[in-house]
Amino acid sequence: MGKDVELLQGTLNLLILKAISLGPLHGYAVLLRIQQLSGDRMEIQQGTLYPALYRLEHLGLIKGQWGESDNNRRAKFYTLSAAGRRQLTQEKRRWEAMAEVMGIILATEKAPNGEAL
């Protein structure tokens, strides 16, 4: 399928929270984790990611701590805060409910008389 999945508005925060929930990550590693989890079908641009990380940290959903990356560079590593874990749970439930509703709507067929089944 390739990297052709468009990011729906409002899902970036959820993707970042999920990626970080799996373990502490620096910014670029968040990009790689999302790409990996999507089976290489989704790619987040750095220009989109870093403002989102700043916003999530400012909101208290993630915590950043400076450290050293695998290639010996200074990097900020992010972890979820307690508020971030709660937000991830809420957003996941909302997304699953929306996906269920969308599945129902998209599975609807027309009857021969033109009425929805």
N, C-alpha and C. Protein backbone atom coordinates (compact mmCIF):
# COMPACT_ATOMS: atom_id res chain seq x y z
N MET A 1 0.82 -1.19 0.00
CA MET A 1 0.00 0.00 0.00
C MET A 1 0.87 1.26 0.00
N GLY A 2 2.08 1.18 0.53
CA GLY A 2 2.96 2.35 0.53
C GLY A 2 2.58 3.34 1.61
N LYS A 3 3.34 4.43 1.68
CA LYS A 3 3.09 5.46 2.68
C LYS A 3 2.09 6.45 2.16
N ASP A 4 0.88 5.98 1.92
CA ASP A 4 -0.13 6.84 1.33
C ASP A 4 -1.33 7.04 2.23
N VAL A 5 -1.23 6.64 3.49
CA VAL A 5 -2.32 6.83 4.43
C VAL A 5 -2.26 8.26 4.94
N GLU A 6 -3.32 9.00 4.71
CA GLU A 6 -3.39 10.39 5.16
C GLU A 6 -3.72 10.42 6.64
N LEU A 7 -3.09 11.30 7.35
CA LEU A 7 -3.34 11.46 8.78
C LEU A 7 -4.60 12.28 8.97
N LEU A 8 -5.59 11.70 9.62
CA LEU A 8 -6.84 12.40 9.88
C LEU A 8 -6.61 13.45 10.95
N GLN A 9 -7.29 14.56 10.79
CA GLN A 9 -7.15 15.65 11.75
C GLN A 9 -7.48 15.15 13.15
N GLY A 10 -6.64 15.51 14.11
CA GLY A 10 -6.90 15.14 15.49
C GLY A 10 -6.30 13.81 15.91
N THR A 11 -5.69 13.07 14.99
CA THR A 11 -5.15 11.76 15.36
C THR A 11 -3.67 11.79 15.71
N LEU A 12 -2.97 12.86 15.38
CA LEU A 12 -1.54 12.92 15.64
C LEU A 12 -1.24 12.79 17.14
N ASN A 13 -1.98 13.49 17.97
CA ASN A 13 -1.76 13.39 19.42
C ASN A 13 -1.92 11.95 19.89
N LEU A 14 -2.96 11.29 19.42
CA LEU A 14 -3.20 9.90 19.80
C LEU A 14 -2.04 9.00 19.37
N LEU A 15 -1.56 9.18 18.15
CA LEU A 15 -0.45 8.37 17.66
C LEU A 15 0.83 8.61 18.47
N ILE A 16 1.08 9.85 18.81
CA ILE A 16 2.27 10.16 19.61
C ILE A 16 2.15 9.56 21.00
N LEU A 17 1.00 9.74 21.63
CA LEU A 17 0.80 9.18 22.97
C LEU A 17 0.96 7.66 22.96
N LYS A 18 0.42 7.01 21.94
CA LYS A 18 0.55 5.55 21.84
C LYS A 18 2.00 5.15 21.67
N ALA A 19 2.71 5.82 20.78
CA ALA A 19 4.12 5.48 20.55
C ALA A 19 4.93 5.62 21.82
N ILE A 20 4.74 6.71 22.54
CA ILE A 20 5.50 6.97 23.76
C ILE A 20 5.08 6.03 24.88
N SER A 21 3.83 5.56 24.85
CA SER A 21 3.36 4.64 25.90
C SER A 21 4.12 3.32 25.88
N LEU A 22 4.75 3.01 24.77
CA LEU A 22 5.48 1.74 24.64
C LEU A 22 6.90 1.83 25.18
N GLY A 23 7.31 3.03 25.59
CA GLY A 23 8.63 3.22 26.18
C GLY A 23 9.15 4.60 25.84
N PRO A 24 10.09 5.11 26.64
CA PRO A 24 10.64 6.45 26.41
C PRO A 24 11.26 6.56 25.01
N LEU A 25 11.00 7.68 24.35
CA LEU A 25 11.52 7.91 23.00
C LEU A 25 11.93 9.35 22.83
N HIS A 26 12.96 9.57 22.02
CA HIS A 26 13.28 10.93 21.61
C HIS A 26 12.46 11.23 20.36
N GLY A 27 12.42 12.50 19.97
CA GLY A 27 11.52 12.93 18.90
C GLY A 27 11.61 12.12 17.64
N TYR A 28 12.81 11.96 17.08
CA TYR A 28 12.93 11.23 15.83
C TYR A 28 12.51 9.78 15.99
N ALA A 29 12.76 9.19 17.15
CA ALA A 29 12.35 7.81 17.40
C ALA A 29 10.83 7.68 17.43
N VAL A 30 10.13 8.76 17.82
CA VAL A 30 8.66 8.74 17.78
C VAL A 30 8.21 8.56 16.33
N LEU A 31 8.84 9.30 15.41
CA LEU A 31 8.52 9.16 13.98
C LEU A 31 8.72 7.73 13.52
N LEU A 32 9.86 7.17 13.89
CA LEU A 32 10.17 5.80 13.47
C LEU A 32 9.22 4.78 14.08
N ARG A 33 8.85 4.98 15.34
CA ARG A 33 7.93 4.04 16.01
C ARG A 33 6.56 4.06 15.33
N ILE A 34 6.04 5.24 15.02
CA ILE A 34 4.74 5.34 14.34
C ILE A 34 4.82 4.68 12.97
N GLN A 35 5.88 4.93 12.27
CA GLN A 35 6.07 4.32 10.95
C GLN A 35 6.11 2.80 11.08
N GLN A 36 6.84 2.30 12.07
CA GLN A 36 6.95 0.86 12.31
C GLN A 36 5.59 0.25 12.67
N LEU A 37 4.87 0.89 13.60
CA LEU A 37 3.58 0.36 14.04
C LEU A 37 2.56 0.34 12.90
N SER A 38 2.71 1.26 11.94
CA SER A 38 1.77 1.32 10.82
C SER A 38 2.16 0.37 9.70
N GLY A 39 3.21 -0.40 9.88
CA GLY A 39 3.67 -1.28 8.82
C GLY A 39 4.20 -0.49 7.63
N ASP A 40 4.84 0.63 7.92
CA ASP A 40 5.40 1.52 6.90
C ASP A 40 4.34 2.14 5.99
N ARG A 41 3.12 2.24 6.48
CA ARG A 41 2.06 2.86 5.67
C ARG A 41 1.79 4.30 6.09
N MET A 42 2.43 4.73 7.16
CA MET A 42 2.21 6.10 7.64
C MET A 42 3.56 6.72 7.95
N GLU A 43 3.71 7.96 7.53
CA GLU A 43 4.94 8.68 7.80
C GLU A 43 4.58 10.08 8.30
N ILE A 44 5.10 10.42 9.46
CA ILE A 44 4.86 11.73 10.05
C ILE A 44 6.06 12.61 9.72
N GLN A 45 5.81 13.81 9.27
CA GLN A 45 6.89 14.73 8.95
C GLN A 45 7.42 15.39 10.22
N GLN A 46 8.72 15.63 10.26
CA GLN A 46 9.33 16.25 11.44
C GLN A 46 8.72 17.62 11.74
N GLY A 47 8.38 18.36 10.70
CA GLY A 47 7.78 19.68 10.89
C GLY A 47 6.40 19.62 11.51
N THR A 48 5.77 18.48 11.46
CA THR A 48 4.47 18.26 12.10
C THR A 48 4.65 17.72 13.50
N LEU A 49 5.62 16.83 13.67
CA LEU A 49 5.83 16.14 14.94
C LEU A 49 6.31 17.07 16.06
N TYR A 50 7.34 17.84 15.81
CA TYR A 50 7.96 18.59 16.90
C TYR A 50 7.03 19.63 17.53
N PRO A 51 6.22 20.36 16.75
CA PRO A 51 5.25 21.24 17.41
C PRO A 51 4.23 20.46 18.24
N ALA A 52 3.87 19.27 17.78
CA ALA A 52 2.91 18.44 18.53
C ALA A 52 3.54 17.97 19.85
N LEU A 53 4.81 17.57 19.81
CA LEU A 53 5.49 17.16 21.05
C LEU A 53 5.55 18.32 22.03
N TYR A 54 5.88 19.50 21.53
CA TYR A 54 5.92 20.70 22.39
C TYR A 54 4.55 20.95 23.01
N ARG A 55 3.50 20.86 22.19
CA ARG A 55 2.13 21.11 22.67
C ARG A 55 1.74 20.08 23.74
N LEU A 56 2.04 18.80 23.50
CA LEU A 56 1.69 17.75 24.46
C LEU A 56 2.45 17.92 25.78
N GLU A 57 3.71 18.35 25.66
CA GLU A 57 4.49 18.60 26.88
C GLU A 57 3.93 19.80 27.63
N HIS A 58 3.58 20.84 26.90
CA HIS A 58 3.01 22.04 27.51
C HIS A 58 1.68 21.73 28.22
N LEU A 59 0.91 20.80 27.66
CA LEU A 59 -0.37 20.39 28.26
C LEU A 59 -0.19 19.43 29.44
N GLY A 60 1.04 18.98 29.66
CA GLY A 60 1.31 18.07 30.77
C GLY A 60 0.99 16.62 30.47
N LEU A 61 0.82 16.28 29.19
CA LEU A 61 0.49 14.90 28.81
C LEU A 61 1.73 14.04 28.63
N ILE A 62 2.85 14.69 28.33
CA ILE A 62 4.13 13.99 28.25
C ILE A 62 5.17 14.79 29.02
N LYS A 63 6.22 14.09 29.45
CA LYS A 63 7.33 14.73 30.15
C LYS A 63 8.58 14.53 29.32
N GLY A 64 9.37 15.59 29.18
CA GLY A 64 10.62 15.50 28.45
C GLY A 64 11.81 15.62 29.37
N GLN A 65 12.83 14.80 29.08
CA GLN A 65 14.06 14.85 29.86
C GLN A 65 15.23 14.70 28.89
N TRP A 66 16.21 15.59 29.03
CA TRP A 66 17.35 15.54 28.14
C TRP A 66 18.25 14.36 28.48
N GLY A 67 18.76 13.73 27.41
CA GLY A 67 19.66 12.59 27.56
C GLY A 67 20.49 12.44 26.30
N GLU A 68 21.07 11.28 26.15
CA GLU A 68 21.92 11.00 25.01
C GLU A 68 21.32 9.88 24.18
N SER A 69 21.22 10.09 22.87
CA SER A 69 20.64 9.09 21.97
C SER A 69 21.66 7.98 21.69
N ASP A 70 21.23 6.97 20.95
CA ASP A 70 22.10 5.84 20.61
C ASP A 70 23.34 6.28 19.83
N ASN A 71 23.21 7.36 19.07
CA ASN A 71 24.35 7.84 18.28
C ASN A 71 25.11 8.97 19.01
N ASN A 72 25.00 8.98 20.34
CA ASN A 72 25.75 9.91 21.21
C ASN A 72 25.42 11.37 20.96
N ARG A 73 24.20 11.65 20.58
CA ARG A 73 23.75 13.04 20.41
C ARG A 73 22.80 13.40 21.54
N ARG A 74 22.81 14.66 21.89
CA ARG A 74 21.89 15.17 22.91
C ARG A 74 20.48 15.12 22.34
N ALA A 75 19.56 14.55 23.09
CA ALA A 75 18.18 14.42 22.62
C ALA A 75 17.23 14.49 23.81
N LYS A 76 16.04 14.95 23.55
CA LYS A 76 15.02 15.01 24.60
C LYS A 76 14.18 13.74 24.51
N PHE A 77 14.13 12.99 25.61
CA PHE A 77 13.36 11.75 25.66
C PHE A 77 12.03 12.01 26.35
N TYR A 78 10.98 11.46 25.77
CA TYR A 78 9.62 11.71 26.25
C TYR A 78 9.03 10.46 26.88
N THR A 79 8.30 10.67 27.97
CA THR A 79 7.52 9.61 28.63
C THR A 79 6.12 10.17 28.87
N LEU A 80 5.17 9.27 29.06
CA LEU A 80 3.80 9.70 29.37
C LEU A 80 3.69 10.10 30.83
N SER A 81 2.95 11.14 31.09
CA SER A 81 2.60 11.50 32.46
C SER A 81 1.34 10.73 32.82
N ALA A 82 0.92 10.81 34.07
CA ALA A 82 -0.33 10.16 34.48
C ALA A 82 -1.49 10.73 33.67
N ALA A 83 -1.49 12.05 33.45
CA ALA A 83 -2.54 12.68 32.64
C ALA A 83 -2.49 12.18 31.20
N GLY A 84 -1.28 11.93 30.69
CA GLY A 84 -1.13 11.41 29.34
C GLY A 84 -1.68 10.01 29.20
N ARG A 85 -1.48 9.18 30.23
CA ARG A 85 -2.04 7.82 30.20
C ARG A 85 -3.56 7.86 30.19
N ARG A 86 -4.13 8.75 31.01
CA ARG A 86 -5.59 8.90 31.02
C ARG A 86 -6.10 9.39 29.66
N GLN A 87 -5.40 10.38 29.10
CA GLN A 87 -5.79 10.92 27.80
C GLN A 87 -5.71 9.85 26.72
N LEU A 88 -4.67 9.04 26.73
CA LEU A 88 -4.52 7.97 25.76
C LEU A 88 -5.69 6.99 25.86
N THR A 89 -6.07 6.63 27.07
CA THR A 89 -7.20 5.72 27.26
C THR A 89 -8.49 6.33 26.72
N GLN A 90 -8.75 7.59 27.03
CA GLN A 90 -9.96 8.26 26.55
C GLN A 90 -9.99 8.37 25.03
N GLU A 91 -8.86 8.81 24.45
CA GLU A 91 -8.80 8.98 23.00
C GLU A 91 -8.92 7.65 22.28
N LYS A 92 -8.34 6.61 22.84
CA LYS A 92 -8.44 5.27 22.24
C LYS A 92 -9.90 4.82 22.22
N ARG A 93 -10.60 5.02 23.32
CA ARG A 93 -12.03 4.65 23.37
C ARG A 93 -12.85 5.42 22.34
N ARG A 94 -12.58 6.73 22.23
CA ARG A 94 -13.30 7.55 21.24
C ARG A 94 -13.02 7.08 19.82
N TRP A 95 -11.75 6.80 19.53
CA TRP A 95 -11.38 6.35 18.19
C TRP A 95 -12.04 5.00 17.88
N GLU A 96 -12.04 4.07 18.82
CA GLU A 96 -12.66 2.76 18.60
C GLU A 96 -14.16 2.90 18.38
N ALA A 97 -14.82 3.79 19.13
CA ALA A 97 -16.26 4.01 18.95
C ALA A 97 -16.53 4.61 17.56
N MET A 98 -15.72 5.57 17.16
CA MET A 98 -15.89 6.18 15.84
C MET A 98 -15.65 5.16 14.73
N ALA A 99 -14.63 4.34 14.88
CA ALA A 99 -14.34 3.31 13.87
C ALA A 99 -15.50 2.32 13.76
N GLU A 100 -16.11 1.99 14.89
CA GLU A 100 -17.25 1.07 14.87
C GLU A 100 -18.43 1.69 14.12
N VAL A 101 -18.73 2.95 14.42
CA VAL A 101 -19.83 3.64 13.74
C VAL A 101 -19.55 3.76 12.25
N MET A 102 -18.32 4.12 11.88
CA MET A 102 -17.95 4.24 10.47
C MET A 102 -18.10 2.90 9.76
N GLY A 103 -17.71 1.82 10.44
CA GLY A 103 -17.85 0.49 9.86
C GLY A 103 -19.30 0.15 9.57
N ILE A 104 -20.17 0.49 10.49
CA ILE A 104 -21.61 0.25 10.32
C ILE A 104 -22.13 1.05 9.13
N ILE A 105 -21.79 2.32 9.09
CA ILE A 105 -22.26 3.19 8.01
C ILE A 105 -21.75 2.71 6.66
N LEU A 106 -20.47 2.40 6.58
CA LEU A 106 -19.89 1.99 5.30
C LEU A 106 -20.36 0.62 4.85
N ALA A 107 -20.83 -0.20 5.76
CA ALA A 107 -21.33 -1.54 5.39
C ALA A 107 -22.79 -1.50 4.93
N THR A 108 -23.46 -0.36 5.08
CA THR A 108 -24.87 -0.25 4.71
C THR A 108 -25.02 -0.34 3.19
N GLU A 109 -25.95 -1.15 2.76
CA GLU A 109 -26.24 -1.33 1.33
C GLU A 109 -27.64 -0.82 1.04
N LYS A 110 -27.90 -0.53 -0.21
CA LYS A 110 -29.25 -0.13 -0.61
C LYS A 110 -30.06 -1.35 -0.99
N ALA A 111 -31.31 -1.32 -0.61
CA ALA A 111 -32.24 -2.36 -1.03
C ALA A 111 -32.66 -2.06 -2.48
N PRO A 112 -33.23 -3.05 -3.17
CA PRO A 112 -33.67 -2.82 -4.55
C PRO A 112 -34.65 -1.64 -4.69
N ASN A 113 -35.43 -1.35 -3.65
CA ASN A 113 -36.38 -0.24 -3.72
C ASN A 113 -35.72 1.10 -3.38
N GLY A 114 -34.38 1.09 -3.13
CA GLY A 114 -33.66 2.33 -2.88
C GLY A 114 -33.53 2.68 -1.42
N GLU A 115 -34.22 1.95 -0.54
CA GLU A 115 -34.12 2.24 0.89
C GLU A 115 -32.87 1.57 1.47
N ALA A 116 -32.33 2.19 2.49
CA ALA A 116 -31.18 1.60 3.17
C ALA A 116 -31.62 0.38 3.92
N LEU A 117 -30.76 -0.62 3.96
CA LEU A 117 -31.05 -1.86 4.69
C LEU A 117 -30.76 -1.70 6.16
